C-alpha atoms as a PDB file:
ATOM      1  CA  MET A   1      39.594 107.569 272.266  1.00  0.00           C
ATOM      2  CA  ASN A   2      41.528 105.384 274.681  1.00  0.00           C
ATOM      3  CA  GLU A   3      43.852 102.582 273.601  1.00  0.00           C
ATOM      4  CA  ARG A   4      41.393  99.780 274.349  1.00  0.00           C
ATOM      5  CA  SER A   5      38.646 101.408 272.267  1.00  0.00           C
ATOM      6  CA  ARG A   6      41.139 102.013 269.499  1.00  0.00           C
ATOM      7  CA  GLN A   7      42.126  98.331 269.479  1.00  0.00           C
ATOM      8  CA  LYS A   8      38.473  97.272 269.336  1.00  0.00           C
ATOM      9  CA  MET A   9      37.863  99.616 266.410  1.00  0.00           C
ATOM     10  CA  ALA A  10      40.955  98.294 264.608  1.00  0.00           C
ATOM     11  CA  THR A  11      39.653  94.744 265.032  1.00  0.00           C
ATOM     12  CA  LEU A  12      36.266  95.829 263.752  1.00  0.00           C
ATOM     13  CA  LEU A  13      37.925  97.363 260.685  1.00  0.00           C
ATOM     14  CA  LYS A  14      39.636  94.048 259.943  1.00  0.00           C
ATOM     15  CA  ILE A  15      36.296  92.261 260.189  1.00  0.00           C
ATOM     16  CA  PHE A  16      34.616  94.741 257.851  1.00  0.00           C
ATOM     17  CA  LYS A  17      37.461  94.429 255.353  1.00  0.00           C
ATOM     18  CA  PHE A  18      37.130  90.634 255.419  1.00  0.00           C
ATOM     19  CA  ALA A  19      33.343  90.854 254.992  1.00  0.00           C
ATOM     20  CA  VAL A  20      33.685  93.150 251.976  1.00  0.00           C
ATOM     21  CA  ARG A  21      36.092  90.708 250.317  1.00  0.00           C
ATOM     22  CA  GLU A  22      33.709  87.811 250.950  1.00  0.00           C
ATOM     23  CA  GLU A  23      30.743  89.763 249.542  1.00  0.00           C
ATOM     24  CA  ASN A  24      32.806  90.438 246.439  1.00  0.00           C
ATOM     25  CA  LYS A  25      33.737  86.761 246.060  1.00  0.00           C
ATOM     26  CA  THR A  26      30.093  85.720 246.429  1.00  0.00           C
ATOM     27  CA  GLN A  27      29.022  88.296 243.877  1.00  0.00           C
ATOM     28  CA  LYS A  28      31.557  86.894 241.380  1.00  0.00           C
ATOM     29  CA  LEU A  29      30.319  83.358 242.066  1.00  0.00           C
ATOM     30  CA  TYR A  30      26.713  84.350 241.316  1.00  0.00           C
ATOM     31  CA  SER A  31      27.871  86.036 238.139  1.00  0.00           C
ATOM     32  CA  LYS A  32      29.660  82.867 237.006  1.00  0.00           C
ATOM     33  CA  LEU A  33      26.615  80.744 237.832  1.00  0.00           C
ATOM     34  CA  LYS A  34      24.388  83.129 235.893  1.00  0.00           C
ATOM     35  CA  ASN A  35      26.605  82.618 232.842  1.00  0.00           C
ATOM     36  CA  LYS A  36      26.729  78.849 233.358  1.00  0.00           C
ATOM     37  CA  TYR A  37      22.931  78.554 233.441  1.00  0.00           C
ATOM     38  CA  GLN A  38      22.214  81.225 230.848  1.00  0.00           C
ATOM     39  CA  ASN A  39      19.821  78.917 228.967  1.00  0.00           C
ATOM     40  CA  ASP A  40      17.400  78.856 231.896  1.00  0.00           C
ATOM     41  CA  PRO A  41      15.694  82.259 232.239  1.00  0.00           C
ATOM     42  CA  GLU A  42      14.583  81.588 235.820  1.00  0.00           C
ATOM     43  CA  CYS A  43      18.151  80.808 236.888  1.00  0.00           C
ATOM     44  CA  VAL A  44      19.444  83.907 235.145  1.00  0.00           C
ATOM     45  CA  THR A  45      16.844  86.026 236.933  1.00  0.00           C
ATOM     46  CA  LEU A  46      17.665  84.453 240.298  1.00  0.00           C
ATOM     47  CA  PHE A  47      21.435  84.794 239.964  1.00  0.00           C
ATOM     48  CA  THR A  48      21.116  88.354 238.664  1.00  0.00           C
ATOM     49  CA  TRP A  49      19.011  89.271 241.684  1.00  0.00           C
ATOM     50  CA  LEU A  50      21.413  87.543 244.096  1.00  0.00           C
ATOM     51  CA  CYS A  51      24.378  89.280 242.495  1.00  0.00           C
ATOM     52  CA  ASN A  52      22.670  92.663 242.837  1.00  0.00           C
ATOM     53  CA  GLU A  53      21.856  91.991 246.494  1.00  0.00           C
ATOM     54  CA  GLU A  54      25.477  91.083 247.209  1.00  0.00           C
ATOM     55  CA  SER A  55      26.548  94.279 245.481  1.00  0.00           C
ATOM     56  CA  LYS A  56      24.258  96.327 247.730  1.00  0.00           C
ATOM     57  CA  HIS A  57      25.638  94.615 250.835  1.00  0.00           C
ATOM     58  CA  GLU A  58      29.187  95.188 249.654  1.00  0.00           C
ATOM     59  CA  ASP A  59      28.499  98.896 249.096  1.00  0.00           C
ATOM     60  CA  LYS A  60      27.005  99.274 252.580  1.00  0.00           C
ATOM     61  CA  LEU A  61      29.960  97.491 254.159  1.00  0.00           C
ATOM     62  CA  ARG A  62      32.415  99.684 252.262  1.00  0.00           C
ATOM     63  CA  GLU A  63      30.618 102.834 253.426  1.00  0.00           C
ATOM     64  CA  LYS A  64      30.718 101.679 257.040  1.00  0.00           C
ATOM     65  CA  TYR A  65      34.387 100.726 256.674  1.00  0.00           C
ATOM     66  CA  VAL A  66      35.249 104.231 255.440  1.00  0.00           C
ATOM     67  CA  GLU A  67      33.273 105.793 258.312  1.00  0.00           C
ATOM     68  CA  LEU A  68      35.137 103.670 260.853  1.00  0.00           C
ATOM     69  CA  LYS A  69      38.506 104.556 259.335  1.00  0.00           C
ATOM     70  CA  LYS A  70      37.660 108.254 259.563  1.00  0.00           C
ATOM     71  CA  GLU A  71      36.524 107.812 263.151  1.00  0.00           C
ATOM     72  CA  LEU A  72      39.856 106.181 263.993  1.00  0.00           C
ATOM     73  CA  GLY A  73      41.711 108.943 262.188  1.00  0.00           C
ATOM     74  CA  LEU A  74      43.288 106.526 259.733  1.00  0.00           C
ATOM     75  CA  GLU A  75      42.133 108.380 256.667  1.00  0.00           C
END
């Protein structure tokens, strides 16, 4: 891998790392909202679903991040 490709991959890794952190923050927000509106079953269902979706996205991003790190030889 040439230096330019390596730099692009390093930038991509930074972006993935940022995205994973943001997914995690959003997931925590949905969890807090679920607790805040726990008296409304529809809200609880909605926020539970949203939280689970964010968790799935976070897992996929983490997997891709690990793959990219291995490809760069950083792991």
